[in-house]
Amino acid sequence: MKKFFVGVWEFLNSLFGCKCSCCEKEEVVKDDKVKQSVKLNFNQLVSTDRQQMFLEHGKDYRWFETCMKLENFLDEENDGTLEEVVNVFQSVVERGSGFDTTVHKFQHFNDGTNVSDSISGFWVEDQPLNEEAIKLSYEQAFEKLMRANIVKPHSRYVTLRKQVGPIDANPQYIFGNIKEQVYVDAITGDVVGYNPAFGPNIKFGTPLGEWP
C-alpha cells in the first residue's frame, strides 16, 4: 500500500507539476523586475478553494489535504512565511450507472500566481477533512512546533491531513519530509515525533510523498 501511495503521488506530481513547480518556479519576470511578494493566508486560501469546489460540485466533494512550502527551512531562522499553498480535493459525479471521480489541485504562490488543475482518479490514504473541527490554523501549529522541545526537521514542507491508520487520530499538521517528521495535532495542539495514526512504536509513513 505504501509503494502504491507513493506511486500515485508521483504520478499526480508528474501531471500537476507539484514537486517541480515548488522548486523551479521563476521569481523574476522578463524585464528583470522582481515580482511583488504577497502573504499567503492559510485560512483564507482553504476557505476560498472550498467555496469554489462547493459552487462547482455542491456537497459532492472531499477536502483531503493542504500542502505548504515555507520560504526557509524549519531548523534554521524561520518566521513561518509560506512560499506556496496547495489544496487537494476530490469530486464524484454520477454518470449513468457509474461515477466519475476527479482529483482537483489548487496551487497558490507568494508572487500572486494561482493555478488550478484536475485529473480523473482518486485520492488514497487520507480521510476527508470536510467535517473535522480543526481548531489550529497553520500559524498556530507553526508556533506550537517552534516552542516545542523537539528537534525540528531539515525541511521546508508541512501538510495538513488525516491519515488512514489503525488508530483514529485527529488531523495533523505534519512538518518534515520522507526521513523525519514532527506532528502537531490540529485540534489539541499536541506535538509529537511519531505518527499518531500508527502510534509511538511504529515509524511509518511518507506524509509528503517524495518532497525534500
N, C-alpha and C. Protein backbone atom coordinates (compact mmCIF):
# COMPACT_ATOMS: atom_id res chain seq x y z
N MET A 1 0.84 -1.21 0.00
CA MET A 1 0.00 0.00 0.00
C MET A 1 0.86 1.25 0.00
N LYS A 2 1.97 1.19 0.79
CA LYS A 2 2.87 2.34 0.85
C LYS A 2 3.45 2.65 -0.52
N LYS A 3 3.93 1.62 -1.21
CA LYS A 3 4.51 1.83 -2.53
C LYS A 3 3.44 2.33 -3.49
N PHE A 4 2.22 1.82 -3.34
CA PHE A 4 1.14 2.24 -4.23
C PHE A 4 0.86 3.72 -4.04
N PHE A 5 0.80 4.17 -2.77
CA PHE A 5 0.53 5.57 -2.49
C PHE A 5 1.60 6.47 -3.08
N VAL A 6 2.88 6.11 -2.86
CA VAL A 6 3.96 6.92 -3.40
C VAL A 6 3.89 6.96 -4.92
N GLY A 7 3.53 5.81 -5.52
CA GLY A 7 3.42 5.77 -6.97
C GLY A 7 2.32 6.68 -7.47
N VAL A 8 1.17 6.67 -6.79
CA VAL A 8 0.07 7.55 -7.19
C VAL A 8 0.47 9.00 -7.01
N TRP A 9 1.15 9.30 -5.87
CA TRP A 9 1.58 10.68 -5.60
C TRP A 9 2.54 11.18 -6.67
N GLU A 10 3.50 10.32 -7.06
CA GLU A 10 4.46 10.71 -8.09
C GLU A 10 3.76 10.88 -9.43
N PHE A 11 2.76 10.01 -9.69
CA PHE A 11 2.01 10.13 -10.94
C PHE A 11 1.27 11.46 -11.00
N LEU A 12 0.60 11.82 -9.89
CA LEU A 12 -0.10 13.10 -9.85
C LEU A 12 0.87 14.26 -9.95
N ASN A 13 2.03 14.12 -9.30
CA ASN A 13 3.05 15.17 -9.39
C ASN A 13 3.51 15.39 -10.82
N SER A 14 3.68 14.27 -11.54
CA SER A 14 4.17 14.39 -12.91
C SER A 14 3.16 15.11 -13.80
N LEU A 15 1.87 14.98 -13.47
CA LEU A 15 0.85 15.63 -14.26
C LEU A 15 0.57 17.04 -13.77
N PHE A 16 0.58 17.23 -12.46
CA PHE A 16 0.26 18.53 -11.88
C PHE A 16 1.46 19.43 -11.79
N GLY A 17 2.67 18.86 -11.72
CA GLY A 17 3.86 19.67 -11.57
C GLY A 17 4.07 20.14 -10.14
N CYS A 18 3.48 19.47 -9.15
CA CYS A 18 3.55 19.92 -7.76
C CYS A 18 4.96 19.90 -7.24
N LYS A 19 5.69 18.83 -7.51
CA LYS A 19 7.04 18.72 -6.97
C LYS A 19 7.98 19.73 -7.62
N CYS A 20 7.96 19.80 -8.93
CA CYS A 20 8.94 20.63 -9.63
C CYS A 20 8.61 22.11 -9.56
N SER A 21 7.34 22.45 -9.64
CA SER A 21 6.98 23.85 -9.67
C SER A 21 7.34 24.55 -8.38
N CYS A 22 7.35 23.82 -7.27
CA CYS A 22 7.73 24.42 -5.99
C CYS A 22 9.17 24.90 -6.03
N CYS A 23 10.02 24.14 -6.67
CA CYS A 23 11.46 24.42 -6.64
C CYS A 23 11.93 25.23 -7.84
N GLU A 24 11.21 25.16 -8.95
CA GLU A 24 11.73 25.72 -10.18
C GLU A 24 10.98 26.94 -10.68
N LYS A 25 9.93 27.36 -9.97
CA LYS A 25 9.14 28.49 -10.45
C LYS A 25 9.99 29.75 -10.50
N GLU A 26 9.93 30.48 -11.63
CA GLU A 26 10.73 31.69 -11.80
C GLU A 26 10.26 32.79 -10.85
N GLU A 27 11.21 33.51 -10.24
CA GLU A 27 10.89 34.59 -9.33
C GLU A 27 11.15 35.96 -9.98
N VAL A 28 11.64 35.96 -11.20
CA VAL A 28 11.95 37.22 -11.89
C VAL A 28 11.22 37.25 -13.22
N VAL A 29 10.56 38.37 -13.52
CA VAL A 29 9.83 38.50 -14.78
C VAL A 29 10.81 38.85 -15.89
N LYS A 30 10.31 38.90 -17.12
CA LYS A 30 11.19 39.06 -18.27
C LYS A 30 11.95 40.38 -18.26
N ASP A 31 11.35 41.43 -17.67
CA ASP A 31 12.04 42.72 -17.67
C ASP A 31 12.97 42.88 -16.48
N ASP A 32 13.26 41.74 -15.81
CA ASP A 32 14.20 41.68 -14.70
C ASP A 32 13.70 42.40 -13.45
N LYS A 33 12.43 42.71 -13.39
CA LYS A 33 11.86 43.30 -12.18
C LYS A 33 11.31 42.18 -11.30
N VAL A 34 11.65 42.20 -10.03
CA VAL A 34 11.20 41.15 -9.12
C VAL A 34 9.70 41.29 -8.89
N LYS A 35 8.98 40.20 -8.97
CA LYS A 35 7.55 40.23 -8.74
C LYS A 35 7.26 40.59 -7.28
N GLN A 36 6.17 41.30 -7.07
CA GLN A 36 5.79 41.69 -5.73
C GLN A 36 5.34 40.47 -4.94
N SER A 37 5.89 40.32 -3.74
CA SER A 37 5.55 39.18 -2.91
C SER A 37 4.25 39.46 -2.16
N VAL A 38 3.41 38.43 -2.05
CA VAL A 38 2.16 38.55 -1.30
C VAL A 38 2.17 37.53 -0.17
N LYS A 39 1.50 37.85 0.93
CA LYS A 39 1.44 36.96 2.07
C LYS A 39 0.34 35.94 1.84
N LEU A 40 0.70 34.66 1.91
CA LEU A 40 -0.27 33.60 1.72
C LEU A 40 -0.97 33.31 3.04
N ASN A 41 -2.29 33.45 3.06
CA ASN A 41 -3.08 33.24 4.26
C ASN A 41 -3.73 31.86 4.18
N PHE A 42 -3.30 30.95 5.05
CA PHE A 42 -3.78 29.56 5.04
C PHE A 42 -5.30 29.48 5.12
N ASN A 43 -5.88 30.10 6.15
CA ASN A 43 -7.33 30.01 6.34
C ASN A 43 -8.11 30.56 5.15
N GLN A 44 -7.65 31.67 4.63
CA GLN A 44 -8.35 32.31 3.51
C GLN A 44 -8.29 31.45 2.26
N LEU A 45 -7.12 30.88 1.97
CA LEU A 45 -6.97 30.06 0.77
C LEU A 45 -7.79 28.78 0.85
N VAL A 46 -7.81 28.15 2.02
CA VAL A 46 -8.62 26.94 2.19
C VAL A 46 -10.10 27.28 2.01
N SER A 47 -10.54 28.36 2.65
CA SER A 47 -11.94 28.77 2.56
C SER A 47 -12.35 29.10 1.13
N THR A 48 -11.48 29.83 0.42
CA THR A 48 -11.78 30.23 -0.96
C THR A 48 -11.87 29.02 -1.88
N ASP A 49 -10.92 28.10 -1.75
CA ASP A 49 -10.93 26.92 -2.62
C ASP A 49 -12.08 25.98 -2.29
N ARG A 50 -12.43 25.87 -1.01
CA ARG A 50 -13.58 25.04 -0.64
C ARG A 50 -14.87 25.65 -1.19
N GLN A 51 -14.97 26.94 -1.16
CA GLN A 51 -16.14 27.61 -1.73
C GLN A 51 -16.24 27.35 -3.23
N GLN A 52 -15.10 27.39 -3.92
CA GLN A 52 -15.09 27.11 -5.35
C GLN A 52 -15.54 25.68 -5.64
N MET A 53 -15.06 24.73 -4.82
CA MET A 53 -15.47 23.35 -5.00
C MET A 53 -16.96 23.18 -4.75
N PHE A 54 -17.49 23.89 -3.74
CA PHE A 54 -18.92 23.79 -3.45
C PHE A 54 -19.76 24.37 -4.58
N LEU A 55 -19.30 25.49 -5.14
CA LEU A 55 -20.02 26.11 -6.25
C LEU A 55 -20.07 25.20 -7.47
N GLU A 56 -18.99 24.45 -7.69
CA GLU A 56 -18.91 23.60 -8.87
C GLU A 56 -19.50 22.20 -8.65
N HIS A 57 -19.44 21.71 -7.39
CA HIS A 57 -19.82 20.31 -7.15
C HIS A 57 -20.81 20.13 -6.01
N GLY A 58 -21.27 21.24 -5.42
CA GLY A 58 -22.19 21.11 -4.29
C GLY A 58 -21.51 20.41 -3.13
N LYS A 59 -22.24 19.53 -2.47
CA LYS A 59 -21.68 18.80 -1.32
C LYS A 59 -20.90 17.56 -1.74
N ASP A 60 -20.88 17.27 -3.04
CA ASP A 60 -20.23 16.05 -3.52
C ASP A 60 -18.75 16.26 -3.77
N TYR A 61 -18.06 16.77 -2.77
CA TYR A 61 -16.61 16.91 -2.86
C TYR A 61 -15.98 16.59 -1.52
N ARG A 62 -14.70 16.24 -1.56
CA ARG A 62 -13.96 15.94 -0.33
C ARG A 62 -12.68 16.77 -0.32
N TRP A 63 -12.41 17.37 0.81
CA TRP A 63 -11.14 18.08 1.03
C TRP A 63 -10.21 17.10 1.73
N PHE A 64 -9.09 16.76 1.07
CA PHE A 64 -8.21 15.73 1.61
C PHE A 64 -6.91 16.27 2.21
N GLU A 65 -6.30 17.26 1.60
CA GLU A 65 -5.01 17.74 2.10
C GLU A 65 -4.81 19.21 1.79
N THR A 66 -4.00 19.84 2.62
CA THR A 66 -3.42 21.13 2.28
C THR A 66 -1.92 21.01 2.49
N CYS A 67 -1.15 21.19 1.42
CA CYS A 67 0.30 21.08 1.47
C CYS A 67 0.90 22.48 1.35
N MET A 68 1.92 22.75 2.14
CA MET A 68 2.53 24.08 2.15
C MET A 68 4.04 23.98 2.06
N LYS A 69 4.63 24.96 1.39
CA LYS A 69 6.07 25.07 1.32
C LYS A 69 6.49 26.39 1.96
N LEU A 70 7.40 26.34 2.92
CA LEU A 70 7.88 27.54 3.59
C LEU A 70 9.01 28.18 2.81
N GLU A 71 9.26 29.45 3.07
CA GLU A 71 10.37 30.13 2.42
C GLU A 71 11.71 29.65 2.95
N ASN A 72 11.75 29.24 4.23
CA ASN A 72 13.01 28.83 4.86
C ASN A 72 12.86 27.48 5.55
N PHE A 73 14.00 26.85 5.84
CA PHE A 73 14.00 25.54 6.50
C PHE A 73 13.57 25.66 7.95
N LEU A 74 12.91 24.62 8.45
CA LEU A 74 12.37 24.63 9.80
C LEU A 74 13.44 24.66 10.88
N ASP A 75 14.62 24.12 10.59
CA ASP A 75 15.68 24.07 11.60
C ASP A 75 16.64 25.25 11.46
N GLU A 76 16.25 26.25 10.69
CA GLU A 76 17.05 27.46 10.55
C GLU A 76 16.18 28.66 10.94
N GLU A 77 16.71 29.86 10.82
CA GLU A 77 15.92 31.04 11.15
C GLU A 77 14.68 31.08 10.26
N ASN A 78 13.51 31.13 10.89
CA ASN A 78 12.28 30.92 10.14
C ASN A 78 11.12 31.58 10.88
N ASP A 79 10.36 32.40 10.17
CA ASP A 79 9.19 33.03 10.79
C ASP A 79 7.88 32.41 10.31
N GLY A 80 7.98 31.30 9.56
CA GLY A 80 6.78 30.60 9.12
C GLY A 80 6.19 31.10 7.83
N THR A 81 6.83 32.09 7.19
CA THR A 81 6.29 32.64 5.94
C THR A 81 6.20 31.56 4.87
N LEU A 82 5.08 31.53 4.16
CA LEU A 82 4.85 30.50 3.16
C LEU A 82 5.19 30.98 1.75
N GLU A 83 5.74 30.06 0.97
CA GLU A 83 6.04 30.32 -0.43
C GLU A 83 4.98 29.75 -1.34
N GLU A 84 4.32 28.68 -0.88
CA GLU A 84 3.32 28.01 -1.72
C GLU A 84 2.31 27.28 -0.85
N VAL A 85 1.06 27.27 -1.29
CA VAL A 85 -0.02 26.51 -0.63
C VAL A 85 -0.76 25.72 -1.70
N VAL A 86 -0.97 24.42 -1.45
CA VAL A 86 -1.66 23.56 -2.41
C VAL A 86 -2.81 22.85 -1.70
N ASN A 87 -4.03 23.07 -2.16
CA ASN A 87 -5.20 22.39 -1.61
C ASN A 87 -5.63 21.27 -2.56
N VAL A 88 -5.86 20.09 -1.98
CA VAL A 88 -6.21 18.91 -2.78
C VAL A 88 -7.63 18.45 -2.43
N PHE A 89 -8.45 18.28 -3.46
CA PHE A 89 -9.84 17.87 -3.30
C PHE A 89 -10.16 16.70 -4.22
N GLN A 90 -11.32 16.10 -3.97
CA GLN A 90 -11.82 15.06 -4.86
C GLN A 90 -13.33 15.27 -5.04
N SER A 91 -13.80 15.09 -6.26
CA SER A 91 -15.23 15.19 -6.53
C SER A 91 -15.71 13.90 -7.17
N VAL A 92 -16.99 13.62 -6.97
CA VAL A 92 -17.62 12.43 -7.55
C VAL A 92 -18.89 12.86 -8.27
N VAL A 93 -18.98 12.50 -9.55
CA VAL A 93 -20.15 12.86 -10.35
C VAL A 93 -20.79 11.59 -10.90
N GLU A 94 -22.09 11.46 -10.72
CA GLU A 94 -22.79 10.28 -11.21
C GLU A 94 -22.93 10.36 -12.73
N ARG A 95 -22.52 9.28 -13.40
CA ARG A 95 -22.60 9.19 -14.85
C ARG A 95 -23.33 7.90 -15.23
N GLY A 96 -24.61 8.01 -15.55
CA GLY A 96 -25.37 6.82 -15.92
C GLY A 96 -25.42 5.84 -14.78
N SER A 97 -24.87 4.65 -15.00
CA SER A 97 -24.88 3.62 -13.97
C SER A 97 -23.60 3.64 -13.12
N GLY A 98 -22.72 4.59 -13.41
CA GLY A 98 -21.46 4.66 -12.66
C GLY A 98 -21.16 6.06 -12.15
N PHE A 99 -19.89 6.26 -11.76
CA PHE A 99 -19.47 7.53 -11.21
C PHE A 99 -18.12 7.94 -11.79
N ASP A 100 -17.95 9.24 -11.99
CA ASP A 100 -16.65 9.80 -12.38
C ASP A 100 -16.01 10.44 -11.17
N THR A 101 -14.78 10.04 -10.87
CA THR A 101 -14.06 10.58 -9.72
C THR A 101 -12.89 11.42 -10.23
N THR A 102 -12.76 12.63 -9.71
CA THR A 102 -11.74 13.57 -10.17
C THR A 102 -10.99 14.16 -8.98
N VAL A 103 -9.66 14.24 -9.11
CA VAL A 103 -8.83 14.90 -8.11
C VAL A 103 -8.52 16.31 -8.61
N HIS A 104 -8.73 17.30 -7.73
CA HIS A 104 -8.53 18.70 -8.07
C HIS A 104 -7.40 19.28 -7.22
N LYS A 105 -6.56 20.10 -7.84
CA LYS A 105 -5.48 20.76 -7.11
C LYS A 105 -5.53 22.26 -7.37
N PHE A 106 -5.53 23.04 -6.28
CA PHE A 106 -5.46 24.50 -6.35
C PHE A 106 -4.12 24.92 -5.76
N GLN A 107 -3.32 25.57 -6.57
CA GLN A 107 -1.95 25.91 -6.19
C GLN A 107 -1.78 27.42 -6.14
N HIS A 108 -1.26 27.92 -5.01
CA HIS A 108 -1.10 29.36 -4.80
C HIS A 108 0.35 29.68 -4.46
N PHE A 109 0.92 30.68 -5.16
CA PHE A 109 2.30 31.08 -4.94
C PHE A 109 2.36 32.48 -4.33
N ASN A 110 3.47 32.76 -3.64
CA ASN A 110 3.60 34.06 -2.97
C ASN A 110 3.98 35.19 -3.93
N ASP A 111 4.01 34.92 -5.23
CA ASP A 111 4.16 36.01 -6.20
C ASP A 111 2.81 36.44 -6.76
N GLY A 112 1.73 35.87 -6.17
CA GLY A 112 0.38 36.22 -6.60
C GLY A 112 -0.19 35.29 -7.65
N THR A 113 0.60 34.31 -8.12
CA THR A 113 0.13 33.37 -9.13
C THR A 113 -0.77 32.31 -8.50
N ASN A 114 -1.86 31.98 -9.19
CA ASN A 114 -2.77 30.92 -8.77
C ASN A 114 -3.00 29.98 -9.94
N VAL A 115 -2.86 28.68 -9.69
CA VAL A 115 -3.01 27.68 -10.75
C VAL A 115 -3.93 26.57 -10.25
N SER A 116 -4.85 26.13 -11.09
CA SER A 116 -5.72 25.01 -10.74
C SER A 116 -5.68 23.97 -11.85
N ASP A 117 -5.84 22.71 -11.45
CA ASP A 117 -5.81 21.62 -12.42
C ASP A 117 -6.58 20.45 -11.85
N SER A 118 -6.89 19.48 -12.68
CA SER A 118 -7.62 18.30 -12.23
C SER A 118 -7.27 17.11 -13.11
N ILE A 119 -7.52 15.92 -12.56
CA ILE A 119 -7.25 14.69 -13.30
C ILE A 119 -8.23 13.62 -12.84
N SER A 120 -8.66 12.77 -13.74
CA SER A 120 -9.54 11.66 -13.38
C SER A 120 -8.76 10.69 -12.52
N GLY A 121 -9.31 10.31 -11.39
CA GLY A 121 -8.64 9.40 -10.48
C GLY A 121 -9.20 9.56 -9.09
N PHE A 122 -8.53 8.95 -8.11
CA PHE A 122 -9.00 9.04 -6.74
C PHE A 122 -7.81 9.19 -5.79
N TRP A 123 -8.07 9.84 -4.66
CA TRP A 123 -7.05 10.10 -3.64
C TRP A 123 -7.04 8.96 -2.63
N VAL A 124 -5.86 8.58 -2.15
CA VAL A 124 -5.76 7.44 -1.24
C VAL A 124 -5.05 7.81 0.05
N GLU A 125 -5.30 7.03 1.09
CA GLU A 125 -4.64 7.06 2.39
C GLU A 125 -4.98 8.27 3.26
N ASP A 126 -5.92 9.10 2.83
CA ASP A 126 -6.39 10.21 3.65
C ASP A 126 -7.87 10.09 3.91
N GLN A 127 -8.29 10.56 5.10
CA GLN A 127 -9.71 10.70 5.38
C GLN A 127 -10.13 12.15 5.10
N PRO A 128 -11.36 12.37 4.66
CA PRO A 128 -11.81 13.74 4.35
C PRO A 128 -11.73 14.65 5.57
N LEU A 129 -11.42 15.92 5.29
CA LEU A 129 -11.33 16.92 6.36
C LEU A 129 -12.57 17.79 6.45
N ASN A 130 -13.54 17.58 5.56
CA ASN A 130 -14.70 18.47 5.47
C ASN A 130 -15.38 18.74 6.80
N GLU A 131 -15.62 17.69 7.57
CA GLU A 131 -16.39 17.82 8.80
C GLU A 131 -15.52 17.83 10.06
N GLU A 132 -14.21 17.88 9.88
CA GLU A 132 -13.32 17.87 11.04
C GLU A 132 -13.31 19.25 11.72
N ALA A 133 -13.35 19.25 13.03
CA ALA A 133 -13.35 20.50 13.81
C ALA A 133 -11.92 20.98 14.03
N ILE A 134 -11.29 21.42 12.95
CA ILE A 134 -9.90 21.87 13.02
C ILE A 134 -9.83 23.20 13.77
N LYS A 135 -9.12 23.21 14.88
CA LYS A 135 -9.07 24.40 15.74
C LYS A 135 -7.81 25.23 15.53
N LEU A 136 -6.73 24.58 15.12
CA LEU A 136 -5.47 25.30 14.95
C LEU A 136 -5.29 25.71 13.49
N SER A 137 -4.96 26.97 13.28
CA SER A 137 -4.56 27.41 11.95
C SER A 137 -3.12 26.98 11.72
N TYR A 138 -2.66 27.14 10.49
CA TYR A 138 -1.25 26.83 10.20
C TYR A 138 -0.33 27.65 11.09
N GLU A 139 -0.62 28.94 11.25
CA GLU A 139 0.23 29.82 12.04
C GLU A 139 0.32 29.35 13.49
N GLN A 140 -0.79 28.89 14.05
CA GLN A 140 -0.79 28.40 15.42
C GLN A 140 -0.01 27.09 15.53
N ALA A 141 -0.17 26.22 14.53
CA ALA A 141 0.58 24.95 14.54
C ALA A 141 2.08 25.21 14.43
N PHE A 142 2.46 26.17 13.58
CA PHE A 142 3.87 26.51 13.44
C PHE A 142 4.43 27.02 14.76
N GLU A 143 3.67 27.85 15.46
CA GLU A 143 4.11 28.38 16.75
C GLU A 143 4.27 27.26 17.78
N LYS A 144 3.33 26.30 17.77
CA LYS A 144 3.43 25.14 18.66
C LYS A 144 4.72 24.37 18.39
N LEU A 145 5.02 24.16 17.10
CA LEU A 145 6.23 23.44 16.73
C LEU A 145 7.47 24.16 17.20
N MET A 146 7.54 25.45 16.96
CA MET A 146 8.73 26.23 17.31
C MET A 146 8.97 26.27 18.82
N ARG A 147 7.90 26.24 19.60
CA ARG A 147 8.02 26.31 21.06
C ARG A 147 8.31 24.94 21.69
N ALA A 148 8.03 23.87 20.95
CA ALA A 148 8.19 22.53 21.49
C ALA A 148 9.66 22.16 21.63
N ASN A 149 9.96 21.42 22.68
CA ASN A 149 11.32 20.92 22.91
C ASN A 149 11.52 19.65 22.10
N ILE A 150 11.65 19.83 20.79
CA ILE A 150 11.78 18.70 19.87
C ILE A 150 12.65 19.14 18.70
N VAL A 151 13.39 18.20 18.14
CA VAL A 151 14.28 18.51 17.02
C VAL A 151 13.44 18.86 15.80
N LYS A 152 13.74 19.98 15.18
CA LYS A 152 12.99 20.42 14.00
C LYS A 152 13.57 19.76 12.75
N PRO A 153 12.73 19.25 11.86
CA PRO A 153 13.22 18.60 10.63
C PRO A 153 13.90 19.61 9.70
N HIS A 154 14.90 19.13 8.97
CA HIS A 154 15.53 19.99 7.97
C HIS A 154 14.68 19.90 6.71
N SER A 155 13.61 20.69 6.70
CA SER A 155 12.63 20.63 5.63
C SER A 155 11.92 21.96 5.53
N ARG A 156 11.29 22.19 4.38
CA ARG A 156 10.51 23.41 4.16
C ARG A 156 9.03 23.10 3.95
N TYR A 157 8.61 21.89 4.31
CA TYR A 157 7.26 21.45 3.97
C TYR A 157 6.41 21.09 5.19
N VAL A 158 5.11 21.31 5.05
CA VAL A 158 4.13 20.92 6.05
C VAL A 158 2.84 20.54 5.33
N THR A 159 2.20 19.49 5.81
CA THR A 159 0.94 19.04 5.21
C THR A 159 -0.10 18.85 6.30
N LEU A 160 -1.29 19.37 6.06
CA LEU A 160 -2.44 19.11 6.93
C LEU A 160 -3.22 17.96 6.32
N ARG A 161 -3.34 16.87 7.09
CA ARG A 161 -4.06 15.71 6.59
C ARG A 161 -4.53 14.85 7.76
N LYS A 162 -5.46 13.96 7.50
CA LYS A 162 -5.88 12.94 8.46
C LYS A 162 -5.62 11.59 7.83
N GLN A 163 -4.53 10.98 8.20
CA GLN A 163 -4.10 9.75 7.55
C GLN A 163 -4.92 8.55 8.00
N VAL A 164 -5.22 7.68 7.07
CA VAL A 164 -5.88 6.42 7.38
C VAL A 164 -4.88 5.53 8.11
N GLY A 165 -5.28 4.97 9.24
CA GLY A 165 -4.39 4.10 10.01
C GLY A 165 -5.18 3.30 11.02
N PRO A 166 -4.51 2.41 11.77
CA PRO A 166 -5.20 1.58 12.76
C PRO A 166 -5.75 2.39 13.94
N ILE A 167 -5.22 3.61 14.14
CA ILE A 167 -5.71 4.47 15.21
C ILE A 167 -6.45 5.65 14.59
N ASP A 168 -7.64 5.93 15.10
CA ASP A 168 -8.44 7.04 14.57
C ASP A 168 -7.93 8.35 15.19
N ALA A 169 -6.85 8.86 14.65
CA ALA A 169 -6.22 10.07 15.18
C ALA A 169 -6.85 11.32 14.58
N ASN A 170 -6.64 12.44 15.26
CA ASN A 170 -7.11 13.73 14.75
C ASN A 170 -6.32 14.13 13.51
N PRO A 171 -6.81 15.09 12.74
CA PRO A 171 -6.00 15.65 11.65
C PRO A 171 -4.71 16.22 12.22
N GLN A 172 -3.64 16.14 11.44
CA GLN A 172 -2.32 16.56 11.89
C GLN A 172 -1.68 17.53 10.90
N TYR A 173 -0.98 18.51 11.45
CA TYR A 173 -0.03 19.30 10.65
C TYR A 173 1.28 18.54 10.71
N ILE A 174 1.73 18.04 9.56
CA ILE A 174 2.93 17.21 9.52
C ILE A 174 4.07 18.05 8.94
N PHE A 175 5.02 18.39 9.79
CA PHE A 175 6.19 19.17 9.38
C PHE A 175 7.33 18.21 9.09
N GLY A 176 7.89 18.28 7.87
CA GLY A 176 9.02 17.41 7.59
C GLY A 176 9.04 16.84 6.19
N ASN A 177 9.69 15.69 6.07
CA ASN A 177 9.89 15.05 4.77
C ASN A 177 9.84 13.54 4.94
N ILE A 178 10.32 12.81 3.93
CA ILE A 178 10.24 11.35 3.96
C ILE A 178 11.10 10.75 5.08
N LYS A 179 12.12 11.46 5.53
CA LYS A 179 13.05 10.92 6.53
C LYS A 179 12.70 11.29 7.96
N GLU A 180 12.16 12.48 8.17
CA GLU A 180 11.86 12.93 9.54
C GLU A 180 10.63 13.82 9.54
N GLN A 181 9.78 13.61 10.54
CA GLN A 181 8.55 14.38 10.64
C GLN A 181 8.26 14.71 12.11
N VAL A 182 7.58 15.85 12.30
CA VAL A 182 7.02 16.21 13.59
C VAL A 182 5.54 16.49 13.35
N TYR A 183 4.69 15.95 14.23
CA TYR A 183 3.24 16.05 14.08
C TYR A 183 2.65 16.99 15.11
N VAL A 184 1.84 17.94 14.64
CA VAL A 184 1.13 18.86 15.52
C VAL A 184 -0.36 18.60 15.35
N ASP A 185 -1.03 18.18 16.43
CA ASP A 185 -2.46 17.86 16.38
C ASP A 185 -3.25 19.12 16.05
N ALA A 186 -4.06 19.06 15.01
CA ALA A 186 -4.80 20.23 14.54
C ALA A 186 -5.97 20.60 15.44
N ILE A 187 -6.26 19.77 16.44
CA ILE A 187 -7.36 20.03 17.37
C ILE A 187 -6.85 20.31 18.78
N THR A 188 -5.93 19.46 19.27
CA THR A 188 -5.44 19.62 20.64
C THR A 188 -4.17 20.45 20.74
N GLY A 189 -3.41 20.52 19.64
CA GLY A 189 -2.14 21.24 19.65
C GLY A 189 -0.98 20.42 20.17
N ASP A 190 -1.19 19.13 20.47
CA ASP A 190 -0.10 18.27 20.95
C ASP A 190 0.97 18.11 19.87
N VAL A 191 2.23 18.10 20.30
CA VAL A 191 3.37 17.98 19.39
C VAL A 191 4.11 16.69 19.70
N VAL A 192 4.24 15.80 18.70
CA VAL A 192 4.92 14.53 18.90
C VAL A 192 5.82 14.22 17.71
N GLY A 193 6.76 13.32 17.91
CA GLY A 193 7.69 12.94 16.86
C GLY A 193 7.34 11.63 16.20
N TYR A 194 6.10 11.18 16.32
CA TYR A 194 5.66 9.94 15.69
C TYR A 194 4.28 10.17 15.07
N ASN A 195 3.88 9.25 14.21
CA ASN A 195 2.61 9.36 13.51
C ASN A 195 1.47 8.88 14.41
N PRO A 196 0.60 9.76 14.88
CA PRO A 196 -0.48 9.36 15.79
C PRO A 196 -1.44 8.33 15.19
N ALA A 197 -1.51 8.24 13.87
CA ALA A 197 -2.39 7.26 13.24
C ALA A 197 -1.86 5.84 13.37
N PHE A 198 -0.59 5.71 13.79
CA PHE A 198 0.03 4.39 13.94
C PHE A 198 0.65 4.18 15.31
N GLY A 199 0.74 5.23 16.12
CA GLY A 199 1.25 5.08 17.48
C GLY A 199 2.75 5.27 17.56
N PRO A 200 3.28 5.42 18.80
CA PRO A 200 4.70 5.75 19.01
C PRO A 200 5.67 4.62 18.70
N ASN A 201 5.18 3.40 18.56
CA ASN A 201 6.09 2.27 18.36
C ASN A 201 6.30 1.91 16.89
N ILE A 202 5.64 2.64 16.00
CA ILE A 202 5.76 2.35 14.57
C ILE A 202 6.23 3.59 13.84
N LYS A 203 7.39 3.51 13.23
CA LYS A 203 7.88 4.59 12.38
C LYS A 203 7.40 4.33 10.97
N PHE A 204 6.35 5.02 10.60
CA PHE A 204 5.69 4.71 9.32
C PHE A 204 5.30 5.98 8.61
N GLY A 205 5.27 5.89 7.29
CA GLY A 205 4.61 6.92 6.52
C GLY A 205 5.55 7.81 5.75
N THR A 206 5.07 8.28 4.63
CA THR A 206 5.76 9.30 3.85
C THR A 206 4.76 10.41 3.62
N PRO A 207 4.56 11.25 4.65
CA PRO A 207 3.44 12.20 4.62
C PRO A 207 3.50 13.20 3.49
N LEU A 208 4.68 13.40 2.92
CA LEU A 208 4.80 14.39 1.85
C LEU A 208 5.27 13.75 0.56
N GLY A 209 4.99 12.46 0.40
CA GLY A 209 5.45 11.79 -0.82
C GLY A 209 6.96 11.82 -0.89
N GLU A 210 7.50 12.32 -1.98
CA GLU A 210 8.95 12.36 -2.17
C GLU A 210 9.49 13.78 -2.06
N TRP A 211 8.71 14.70 -1.49
CA TRP A 211 9.19 16.07 -1.36
C TRP A 211 10.40 16.14 -0.46
N PRO A 212 11.41 16.96 -0.75
CA PRO A 212 12.61 17.05 0.08
C PRO A 212 12.35 17.88 1.34
